[in-house]
């Protein structure tokens, strides 16, 4: 067994699916993308991570069990 595993320990995370929706925010000017959750009652957005590549987006979606993201500009 190697000291350094090539696979990250995947931890299933949860969020309040009745109150929060997963959202990707993208900048039209810079192309910067962040993902997080938006409260459907208050509209408040909580940024979770900055996405720098498609692998990070896939990992985020898998860790929270998300099939689809809403995209906002």
N, C-alpha and C. Protein backbone atom coordinates (compact mmCIF):
# COMPACT_ATOMS: atom_id res chain seq x y z
N UNK A 1 0.84 -1.18 0.00
CA UNK A 1 0.00 0.00 0.00
C UNK A 1 0.88 1.24 0.00
N UNK A 2 0.51 2.19 -0.82
CA UNK A 2 1.28 3.41 -0.95
C UNK A 2 0.92 4.40 0.15
N UNK A 3 1.89 5.21 0.53
CA UNK A 3 1.61 6.27 1.49
C UNK A 3 0.74 7.36 0.89
N UNK A 4 0.86 7.54 -0.41
CA UNK A 4 0.11 8.59 -1.09
C UNK A 4 -0.90 7.95 -2.04
N UNK A 5 -2.14 8.04 -1.69
CA UNK A 5 -3.19 7.48 -2.51
C UNK A 5 -3.53 8.43 -3.64
N UNK A 6 -3.76 7.90 -4.83
CA UNK A 6 -4.13 8.72 -5.96
C UNK A 6 -5.60 9.11 -5.91
N UNK A 7 -6.36 8.45 -5.10
CA UNK A 7 -7.79 8.74 -4.98
C UNK A 7 -8.06 9.51 -3.70
N UNK A 8 -8.84 10.57 -3.84
CA UNK A 8 -9.22 11.33 -2.66
C UNK A 8 -10.27 10.55 -1.89
N UNK A 9 -10.28 10.74 -0.60
CA UNK A 9 -11.34 10.16 0.21
C UNK A 9 -12.61 10.94 -0.07
N UNK A 10 -13.56 10.30 -0.72
CA UNK A 10 -14.80 10.97 -1.07
C UNK A 10 -15.77 10.90 0.10
N UNK A 11 -16.19 12.04 0.53
CA UNK A 11 -17.11 12.14 1.65
C UNK A 11 -18.42 12.70 1.12
N UNK A 12 -19.52 11.98 1.35
CA UNK A 12 -20.81 12.47 0.92
C UNK A 12 -21.24 13.59 1.85
N UNK A 13 -21.46 14.76 1.27
CA UNK A 13 -21.87 15.92 2.04
C UNK A 13 -23.35 16.16 1.80
N UNK A 14 -23.97 16.88 2.70
CA UNK A 14 -25.39 17.15 2.55
C UNK A 14 -25.67 18.64 2.63
N UNK A 15 -26.85 19.00 2.14
CA UNK A 15 -27.34 20.37 2.24
C UNK A 15 -28.85 20.30 2.35
N UNK A 16 -29.47 21.36 2.80
CA UNK A 16 -30.92 21.41 2.98
C UNK A 16 -31.59 21.56 1.62
N UNK A 17 -32.03 20.44 1.04
CA UNK A 17 -32.59 20.44 -0.31
C UNK A 17 -33.94 21.15 -0.41
N UNK A 18 -34.59 21.36 0.71
CA UNK A 18 -35.88 22.07 0.68
C UNK A 18 -35.69 23.58 0.76
N UNK A 19 -34.53 24.03 1.18
CA UNK A 19 -34.28 25.46 1.34
C UNK A 19 -33.21 25.99 0.38
N UNK A 20 -32.28 25.14 -0.02
CA UNK A 20 -31.15 25.59 -0.83
C UNK A 20 -31.15 24.92 -2.20
N UNK A 21 -30.70 25.67 -3.22
CA UNK A 21 -30.51 25.09 -4.54
C UNK A 21 -29.05 25.27 -4.93
N UNK A 22 -28.46 24.26 -5.59
CA UNK A 22 -27.08 24.39 -6.03
C UNK A 22 -27.00 25.35 -7.22
N UNK A 23 -26.03 26.26 -7.17
CA UNK A 23 -25.90 27.30 -8.18
C UNK A 23 -24.44 27.45 -8.59
N UNK A 24 -24.22 27.64 -9.90
CA UNK A 24 -22.91 28.03 -10.40
C UNK A 24 -23.02 29.48 -10.82
N UNK A 25 -22.13 30.30 -10.31
CA UNK A 25 -22.07 31.70 -10.73
C UNK A 25 -20.86 31.85 -11.65
N UNK A 26 -21.09 32.48 -12.80
CA UNK A 26 -20.02 32.67 -13.77
C UNK A 26 -19.94 34.14 -14.14
N UNK A 27 -18.73 34.64 -14.25
CA UNK A 27 -18.49 36.02 -14.65
C UNK A 27 -18.46 36.09 -16.17
N UNK A 28 -19.25 36.98 -16.74
CA UNK A 28 -19.24 37.17 -18.18
C UNK A 28 -17.89 37.73 -18.62
N UNK A 29 -17.32 38.63 -17.84
CA UNK A 29 -16.06 39.30 -18.20
C UNK A 29 -14.84 38.40 -18.08
N UNK A 30 -14.68 37.74 -16.95
CA UNK A 30 -13.45 37.00 -16.68
C UNK A 30 -13.59 35.50 -16.88
N UNK A 31 -14.81 35.00 -16.90
CA UNK A 31 -15.01 33.56 -17.02
C UNK A 31 -14.85 32.82 -15.71
N UNK A 32 -14.59 33.53 -14.62
CA UNK A 32 -14.44 32.91 -13.30
C UNK A 32 -15.74 32.21 -12.92
N UNK A 33 -15.61 31.00 -12.39
CA UNK A 33 -16.79 30.23 -11.98
C UNK A 33 -16.67 29.85 -10.51
N UNK A 34 -17.77 30.02 -9.78
CA UNK A 34 -17.85 29.55 -8.40
C UNK A 34 -19.11 28.71 -8.27
N UNK A 35 -19.11 27.79 -7.33
CA UNK A 35 -20.30 27.01 -7.04
C UNK A 35 -20.63 27.15 -5.57
N UNK A 36 -21.91 27.09 -5.29
CA UNK A 36 -22.37 27.21 -3.92
C UNK A 36 -23.86 26.93 -3.86
N UNK A 37 -24.49 27.46 -2.85
CA UNK A 37 -25.91 27.22 -2.65
C UNK A 37 -26.64 28.54 -2.44
N UNK A 38 -27.84 28.64 -3.01
CA UNK A 38 -28.66 29.83 -2.91
C UNK A 38 -29.92 29.49 -2.11
N UNK A 39 -30.21 30.32 -1.13
CA UNK A 39 -31.40 30.16 -0.31
C UNK A 39 -32.61 30.60 -1.14
N UNK A 40 -33.58 29.72 -1.32
CA UNK A 40 -34.72 30.05 -2.17
C UNK A 40 -35.65 31.07 -1.54
N UNK A 41 -35.55 31.27 -0.24
CA UNK A 41 -36.43 32.23 0.44
C UNK A 41 -35.81 33.63 0.53
N UNK A 42 -34.51 33.70 0.76
CA UNK A 42 -33.87 35.00 0.93
C UNK A 42 -33.07 35.44 -0.29
N UNK A 43 -32.71 34.49 -1.15
CA UNK A 43 -31.89 34.80 -2.31
C UNK A 43 -30.41 34.89 -1.99
N UNK A 44 -30.04 34.67 -0.74
CA UNK A 44 -28.64 34.76 -0.32
C UNK A 44 -27.85 33.59 -0.92
N UNK A 45 -26.69 33.92 -1.49
CA UNK A 45 -25.81 32.94 -2.11
C UNK A 45 -24.61 32.69 -1.20
N UNK A 46 -24.33 31.43 -0.94
CA UNK A 46 -23.16 31.07 -0.14
C UNK A 46 -22.18 30.33 -1.04
N UNK A 47 -21.05 30.99 -1.32
CA UNK A 47 -20.03 30.39 -2.19
C UNK A 47 -19.32 29.28 -1.45
N UNK A 48 -19.16 28.16 -2.12
CA UNK A 48 -18.45 27.04 -1.52
C UNK A 48 -17.02 26.95 -2.06
N UNK A 49 -16.86 26.91 -3.39
CA UNK A 49 -15.51 26.82 -3.96
C UNK A 49 -15.41 27.55 -5.29
N UNK A 50 -14.20 27.94 -5.62
CA UNK A 50 -13.87 28.49 -6.92
C UNK A 50 -13.52 27.32 -7.83
N UNK A 51 -14.16 27.27 -8.99
CA UNK A 51 -13.93 26.17 -9.93
C UNK A 51 -12.87 26.61 -10.94
N UNK A 52 -11.77 25.87 -11.00
CA UNK A 52 -10.72 26.20 -11.96
C UNK A 52 -10.65 25.21 -13.11
N UNK A 53 -11.33 24.05 -12.96
CA UNK A 53 -11.36 23.07 -14.05
C UNK A 53 -12.59 22.17 -13.89
N UNK A 54 -12.87 21.39 -14.93
CA UNK A 54 -14.06 20.55 -14.93
C UNK A 54 -13.99 19.43 -13.90
N UNK A 55 -12.79 18.98 -13.56
CA UNK A 55 -12.66 17.93 -12.54
C UNK A 55 -13.14 18.42 -11.18
N UNK A 56 -12.82 19.68 -10.84
CA UNK A 56 -13.28 20.24 -9.56
C UNK A 56 -14.80 20.35 -9.54
N UNK A 57 -15.39 20.73 -10.66
CA UNK A 57 -16.85 20.82 -10.74
C UNK A 57 -17.47 19.45 -10.56
N UNK A 58 -16.93 18.45 -11.24
CA UNK A 58 -17.44 17.09 -11.12
C UNK A 58 -17.31 16.58 -9.68
N UNK A 59 -16.17 16.84 -9.04
CA UNK A 59 -15.96 16.40 -7.66
C UNK A 59 -16.97 17.06 -6.71
N UNK A 60 -17.21 18.36 -6.90
CA UNK A 60 -18.19 19.07 -6.08
C UNK A 60 -19.57 18.45 -6.24
N UNK A 61 -19.97 18.23 -7.48
CA UNK A 61 -21.30 17.68 -7.74
C UNK A 61 -21.45 16.27 -7.18
N UNK A 62 -20.42 15.46 -7.32
CA UNK A 62 -20.46 14.09 -6.79
C UNK A 62 -20.50 14.08 -5.27
N UNK A 63 -19.74 14.97 -4.64
CA UNK A 63 -19.67 14.96 -3.17
C UNK A 63 -21.00 15.36 -2.53
N UNK A 64 -21.80 16.18 -3.24
CA UNK A 64 -23.11 16.58 -2.72
C UNK A 64 -24.26 15.82 -3.38
N UNK A 65 -23.97 14.92 -4.30
CA UNK A 65 -25.01 14.16 -4.98
C UNK A 65 -25.89 15.04 -5.88
N UNK A 66 -25.27 15.99 -6.56
CA UNK A 66 -25.98 16.94 -7.41
C UNK A 66 -25.94 16.47 -8.86
N UNK A 67 -27.12 16.46 -9.50
CA UNK A 67 -27.19 16.07 -10.91
C UNK A 67 -27.19 17.29 -11.82
N UNK A 68 -27.73 18.42 -11.34
CA UNK A 68 -27.91 19.58 -12.19
C UNK A 68 -27.67 20.86 -11.37
N UNK A 69 -27.00 21.82 -11.98
CA UNK A 69 -26.76 23.12 -11.35
C UNK A 69 -27.51 24.21 -12.11
N UNK A 70 -28.02 25.18 -11.38
CA UNK A 70 -28.56 26.39 -11.99
C UNK A 70 -27.38 27.30 -12.24
N UNK A 71 -27.35 27.97 -13.40
CA UNK A 71 -26.23 28.85 -13.73
C UNK A 71 -26.71 30.28 -13.72
N UNK A 72 -25.96 31.16 -13.04
CA UNK A 72 -26.26 32.58 -12.96
C UNK A 72 -25.06 33.37 -13.44
N UNK A 73 -25.34 34.51 -14.08
CA UNK A 73 -24.27 35.39 -14.56
C UNK A 73 -24.28 36.68 -13.80
